């Protein structure tokens, strides 16, 4: 599939003009539509960077979380809380990572009801290589400065907090 040619105009700006004329103020519509489009752009860039490592972003996030933990392992429940995922999603992610020998399930040393997920050495190696791939492309976030990136993170954090995300 050949890359798509960019449009000679910004379709979101054009939609905002039409929205203003027909419906009313368009700033919120334009902002949300822009965020949704940027999410698609970022997802595509990150997916492309992770594909050679046989990872999705969800699996990559799980590996990074485990690699950041003190022991290299966490209970599945904690992983779900930190990744903000339903337990079924965590199970599916761990199943796939385990099949690829990137993690292993191990019994908790003091709580028989708890299963730990532990990153393997192979998992650490893949995580390091995948991290290099996504950081080489700045996770797909291009066109803005470091200061603007921080401002964007702060602004989106306000939306996330207002919605009860944290």
C-alpha atoms as a PDB file:
ATOM      1  CA  UNK A   1       0.000   0.000   0.000  1.00  0.00           C
ATOM      2  CA  UNK A   2       1.498   3.345  -1.024  1.00  0.00           C
ATOM      3  CA  UNK A   3       1.520   6.247   1.417  1.00  0.00           C
ATOM      4  CA  UNK A   4      -1.428   8.580   1.150  1.00  0.00           C
ATOM      5  CA  UNK A   5      -0.762  12.052  -0.241  1.00  0.00           C
ATOM      6  CA  UNK A   6      -1.440  14.826   2.277  1.00  0.00           C
ATOM      7  CA  UNK A   7      -4.482  16.952   1.605  1.00  0.00           C
ATOM      8  CA  UNK A   8      -3.818  20.516   0.405  1.00  0.00           C
ATOM      9  CA  UNK A   9      -5.930  21.822   3.318  1.00  0.00           C
ATOM     10  CA  UNK A  10      -6.673  20.908   6.923  1.00  0.00           C
ATOM     11  CA  UNK A  11      -9.962  18.962   6.863  1.00  0.00           C
ATOM     12  CA  UNK A  12     -10.514  19.512  10.569  1.00  0.00           C
ATOM     13  CA  UNK A  13     -10.180  23.290  10.179  1.00  0.00           C
ATOM     14  CA  UNK A  14     -12.590  23.170   7.239  1.00  0.00           C
ATOM     15  CA  UNK A  15     -15.052  21.080   9.271  1.00  0.00           C
ATOM     16  CA  UNK A  16     -14.743  23.589  12.136  1.00  0.00           C
ATOM     17  CA  UNK A  17     -15.647  26.446   9.776  1.00  0.00           C
ATOM     18  CA  UNK A  18     -18.717  24.576   8.556  1.00  0.00           C
ATOM     19  CA  UNK A  19     -19.636  23.586  12.116  1.00  0.00           C
ATOM     20  CA  UNK A  20     -19.449  27.247  13.190  1.00  0.00           C
ATOM     21  CA  UNK A  21     -21.711  28.302  10.347  1.00  0.00           C
ATOM     22  CA  UNK A  22     -24.304  25.577  10.817  1.00  0.00           C
ATOM     23  CA  UNK A  23     -24.223  24.584  14.487  1.00  0.00           C
ATOM     24  CA  UNK A  24     -22.305  27.059  16.623  1.00  0.00           C
ATOM     25  CA  UNK A  25     -18.966  27.304  18.401  1.00  0.00           C
ATOM     26  CA  UNK A  26     -16.575  24.710  16.997  1.00  0.00           C
ATOM     27  CA  UNK A  27     -13.471  24.873  19.173  1.00  0.00           C
ATOM     28  CA  UNK A  28     -14.339  21.792  21.248  1.00  0.00           C
ATOM     29  CA  UNK A  29     -15.311  19.766  18.173  1.00  0.00           C
ATOM     30  CA  UNK A  30     -12.075  20.758  16.422  1.00  0.00           C
ATOM     31  CA  UNK A  31      -9.951  19.948  19.491  1.00  0.00           C
ATOM     32  CA  UNK A  32     -11.534  16.532  20.048  1.00  0.00           C
ATOM     33  CA  UNK A  33     -11.407  15.645  16.363  1.00  0.00           C
ATOM     34  CA  UNK A  34      -7.736  16.684  16.284  1.00  0.00           C
ATOM     35  CA  UNK A  35      -6.958  14.545  19.329  1.00  0.00           C
ATOM     36  CA  UNK A  36      -8.684  11.554  17.735  1.00  0.00           C
ATOM     37  CA  UNK A  37      -6.748  12.024  14.487  1.00  0.00           C
ATOM     38  CA  UNK A  38      -3.438  12.468  16.310  1.00  0.00           C
ATOM     39  CA  UNK A  39      -4.188   9.278  18.269  1.00  0.00           C
ATOM     40  CA  UNK A  40      -4.499   7.444  14.942  1.00  0.00           C
ATOM     41  CA  UNK A  41      -1.209   8.933  13.719  1.00  0.00           C
ATOM     42  CA  UNK A  42       0.626   8.041  16.944  1.00  0.00           C
ATOM     43  CA  UNK A  43      -0.860   4.545  17.069  1.00  0.00           C
ATOM     44  CA  UNK A  44       0.263   3.879  13.513  1.00  0.00           C
ATOM     45  CA  UNK A  45       3.793   5.128  14.186  1.00  0.00           C
ATOM     46  CA  UNK A  46       4.167   3.145  17.425  1.00  0.00           C
ATOM     47  CA  UNK A  47       2.648   0.014  15.880  1.00  0.00           C
ATOM     48  CA  UNK A  48       5.150   0.246  13.011  1.00  0.00           C
ATOM     49  CA  UNK A  49       8.059   0.643  15.437  1.00  0.00           C
ATOM     50  CA  UNK A  50       6.919  -2.294  17.603  1.00  0.00           C
ATOM     51  CA  UNK A  51       5.904  -4.670  14.800  1.00  0.00           C
ATOM     52  CA  UNK A  52       9.484  -5.945  14.164  1.00  0.00           C
ATOM     53  CA  UNK A  53       9.602  -6.945  17.855  1.00  0.00           C
ATOM     54  CA  UNK A  54       6.295  -8.832  17.571  1.00  0.00           C
ATOM     55  CA  UNK A  55       4.715  -6.489  20.114  1.00  0.00           C
ATOM     56  CA  UNK A  56       1.592  -4.402  20.359  1.00  0.00           C
ATOM     57  CA  UNK A  57       1.596  -1.241  22.439  1.00  0.00           C
ATOM     58  CA  UNK A  58      -0.381  -3.011  25.188  1.00  0.00           C
ATOM     59  CA  UNK A  59       2.181  -5.821  25.405  1.00  0.00           C
ATOM     60  CA  UNK A  60       5.034  -3.322  25.268  1.00  0.00           C
ATOM     61  CA  UNK A  61       3.485  -1.314  28.120  1.00  0.00           C
ATOM     62  CA  UNK A  62       3.194  -4.483  30.216  1.00  0.00           C
ATOM     63  CA  UNK A  63       6.852  -5.354  29.602  1.00  0.00           C
ATOM     64  CA  UNK A  64       7.979  -1.835  30.487  1.00  0.00           C
ATOM     65  CA  UNK A  65       5.893  -1.925  33.660  1.00  0.00           C
ATOM     66  CA  UNK A  66       7.513  -5.208  34.695  1.00  0.00           C
ATOM     67  CA  UNK A  67      10.999  -3.981  33.797  1.00  0.00           C
ATOM     68  CA  UNK A  68      10.442  -0.884  35.957  1.00  0.00           C
ATOM     69  CA  UNK A  69       9.317  -2.911  38.982  1.00  0.00           C
ATOM     70  CA  UNK A  70      11.873  -3.528  41.736  1.00  0.00           C
ATOM     71  CA  UNK A  71      11.721  -7.316  41.495  1.00  0.00           C
ATOM     72  CA  UNK A  72      10.894  -7.596  37.792  1.00  0.00           C
ATOM     73  CA  UNK A  73       7.541  -9.080  38.747  1.00  0.00           C
ATOM     74  CA  UNK A  74       4.099  -7.897  39.790  1.00  0.00           C
ATOM     75  CA  UNK A  75       0.775  -9.475  40.679  1.00  0.00           C
ATOM     76  CA  UNK A  76      -1.597  -9.514  37.719  1.00  0.00           C
ATOM     77  CA  UNK A  77      -4.092  -7.388  39.676  1.00  0.00           C
ATOM     78  CA  UNK A  78      -1.455  -4.685  40.187  1.00  0.00           C
ATOM     79  CA  UNK A  79      -0.584  -4.798  36.493  1.00  0.00           C
ATOM     80  CA  UNK A  80      -4.252  -4.240  35.639  1.00  0.00           C
ATOM     81  CA  UNK A  81      -4.478  -1.295  38.044  1.00  0.00           C
ATOM     82  CA  UNK A  82      -1.320   0.361  36.738  1.00  0.00           C
ATOM     83  CA  UNK A  83      -2.132  -0.254  33.076  1.00  0.00           C
ATOM     84  CA  UNK A  84      -5.776   0.716  33.718  1.00  0.00           C
ATOM     85  CA  UNK A  85      -7.030  -2.480  32.096  1.00  0.00           C
ATOM     86  CA  UNK A  86      -9.781  -4.978  32.833  1.00  0.00           C
ATOM     87  CA  UNK A  87      -8.471  -8.260  34.343  1.00  0.00           C
ATOM     88  CA  UNK A  88      -9.464 -10.159  31.186  1.00  0.00           C
ATOM     89  CA  UNK A  89      -7.297  -7.852  29.077  1.00  0.00           C
ATOM     90  CA  UNK A  90      -4.345  -8.342  31.414  1.00  0.00           C
ATOM     91  CA  UNK A  91      -4.782 -12.105  31.193  1.00  0.00           C
ATOM     92  CA  UNK A  92      -4.804 -11.955  27.388  1.00  0.00           C
ATOM     93  CA  UNK A  93      -1.694  -9.762  27.318  1.00  0.00           C
ATOM     94  CA  UNK A  94       0.153 -12.029  29.747  1.00  0.00           C
ATOM     95  CA  UNK A  95      -0.921 -15.149  27.821  1.00  0.00           C
ATOM     96  CA  UNK A  96       0.602 -13.741  24.628  1.00  0.00           C
ATOM     97  CA  UNK A  97       3.786 -12.543  26.351  1.00  0.00           C
ATOM     98  CA  UNK A  98       4.165 -15.930  28.032  1.00  0.00           C
ATOM     99  CA  UNK A  99       3.691 -17.754  24.720  1.00  0.00           C
ATOM    100  CA  UNK A 100       6.541 -15.636  23.325  1.00  0.00           C
ATOM    101  CA  UNK A 101       8.660 -16.457  26.414  1.00  0.00           C
ATOM    102  CA  UNK A 102       8.898 -12.790  27.405  1.00  0.00           C
ATOM    103  CA  UNK A 103       7.285 -13.340  30.814  1.00  0.00           C
ATOM    104  CA  UNK A 104       6.436 -16.277  33.052  1.00  0.00           C
ATOM    105  CA  UNK A 105       3.805 -16.788  35.708  1.00  0.00           C
ATOM    106  CA  UNK A 106       5.191 -17.667  39.112  1.00  0.00           C
ATOM    107  CA  UNK A 107       3.485 -18.350  42.434  1.00  0.00           C
ATOM    108  CA  UNK A 108       3.543 -15.533  44.963  1.00  0.00           C
ATOM    109  CA  UNK A 109       5.936 -16.506  47.776  1.00  0.00           C
ATOM    110  CA  UNK A 110       3.508 -15.629  50.600  1.00  0.00           C
ATOM    111  CA  UNK A 111       0.022 -15.510  49.060  1.00  0.00           C
ATOM    112  CA  UNK A 112      -1.163 -18.715  47.382  1.00  0.00           C
ATOM    113  CA  UNK A 113      -4.114 -16.876  45.815  1.00  0.00           C
ATOM    114  CA  UNK A 114      -1.839 -14.514  43.892  1.00  0.00           C
ATOM    115  CA  UNK A 115       0.078 -15.169  40.713  1.00  0.00           C
ATOM    116  CA  UNK A 116       3.043 -13.010  39.843  1.00  0.00           C
ATOM    117  CA  UNK A 117       4.058 -12.143  36.303  1.00  0.00           C
ATOM    118  CA  UNK A 118       7.824 -12.029  35.958  1.00  0.00           C
ATOM    119  CA  UNK A 119       9.766 -10.634  33.015  1.00  0.00           C
ATOM    120  CA  UNK A 120      12.350 -13.039  31.561  1.00  0.00           C
ATOM    121  CA  UNK A 121      15.838 -12.143  30.374  1.00  0.00           C
ATOM    122  CA  UNK A 122      14.570 -12.541  26.823  1.00  0.00           C
ATOM    123  CA  UNK A 123      11.720 -10.187  27.752  1.00  0.00           C
ATOM    124  CA  UNK A 124      14.207  -7.597  29.022  1.00  0.00           C
ATOM    125  CA  UNK A 125      16.208  -7.836  25.804  1.00  0.00           C
ATOM    126  CA  UNK A 126      13.104  -7.413  23.640  1.00  0.00           C
ATOM    127  CA  UNK A 127      11.909  -4.522  25.840  1.00  0.00           C
ATOM    128  CA  UNK A 128      15.248  -2.735  25.461  1.00  0.00           C
ATOM    129  CA  UNK A 129      15.218  -3.138  21.669  1.00  0.00           C
ATOM    130  CA  UNK A 130      11.560  -2.095  21.392  1.00  0.00           C
ATOM    131  CA  UNK A 131      12.227   0.936  23.599  1.00  0.00           C
ATOM    132  CA  UNK A 132      15.024   1.974  21.285  1.00  0.00           C
ATOM    133  CA  UNK A 133      12.641   1.667  18.331  1.00  0.00           C
ATOM    134  CA  UNK A 134       9.880   3.807  19.836  1.00  0.00           C
ATOM    135  CA  UNK A 135      12.237   6.414  21.246  1.00  0.00           C
ATOM    136  CA  UNK A 136      14.009   6.686  17.875  1.00  0.00           C
ATOM    137  CA  UNK A 137      10.716   7.980  16.459  1.00  0.00           C
ATOM    138  CA  UNK A 138       9.727   9.941  19.600  1.00  0.00           C
ATOM    139  CA  UNK A 139       6.681   7.649  19.870  1.00  0.00           C
ATOM    140  CA  UNK A 140       5.478   9.274  16.642  1.00  0.00           C
ATOM    141  CA  UNK A 141       5.055  12.697  18.261  1.00  0.00           C
ATOM    142  CA  UNK A 142       6.752  15.062  15.863  1.00  0.00           C
ATOM    143  CA  UNK A 143       6.367  18.693  14.953  1.00  0.00           C
ATOM    144  CA  UNK A 144       6.398  20.171  18.451  1.00  0.00           C
ATOM    145  CA  UNK A 145       9.129  21.227  20.863  1.00  0.00           C
ATOM    146  CA  UNK A 146      10.002  19.599  24.178  1.00  0.00           C
ATOM    147  CA  UNK A 147       8.301  22.501  25.982  1.00  0.00           C
ATOM    148  CA  UNK A 148       5.168  22.073  23.870  1.00  0.00           C
ATOM    149  CA  UNK A 149       5.232  18.335  24.542  1.00  0.00           C
ATOM    150  CA  UNK A 150       5.222  19.065  28.285  1.00  0.00           C
ATOM    151  CA  UNK A 151       2.378  21.573  27.858  1.00  0.00           C
ATOM    152  CA  UNK A 152       0.396  18.994  25.876  1.00  0.00           C
ATOM    153  CA  UNK A 153       0.960  16.384  28.576  1.00  0.00           C
ATOM    154  CA  UNK A 154      -0.155  18.864  31.252  1.00  0.00           C
ATOM    155  CA  UNK A 155      -3.297  19.841  29.332  1.00  0.00           C
ATOM    156  CA  UNK A 156      -4.282  16.252  28.589  1.00  0.00           C
ATOM    157  CA  UNK A 157      -3.592  15.412  32.238  1.00  0.00           C
ATOM    158  CA  UNK A 158      -6.203  17.981  33.248  1.00  0.00           C
ATOM    159  CA  UNK A 159      -8.775  16.305  30.997  1.00  0.00           C
ATOM    160  CA  UNK A 160      -7.827  12.873  32.335  1.00  0.00           C
ATOM    161  CA  UNK A 161      -8.074  14.059  35.938  1.00  0.00           C
ATOM    162  CA  UNK A 162     -11.427  15.786  35.365  1.00  0.00           C
ATOM    163  CA  UNK A 163     -12.814  12.544  33.942  1.00  0.00           C
ATOM    164  CA  UNK A 164     -11.693  10.578  37.023  1.00  0.00           C
ATOM    165  CA  UNK A 165      -8.784   8.784  35.358  1.00  0.00           C
ATOM    166  CA  UNK A 166      -6.645   9.483  38.417  1.00  0.00           C
END
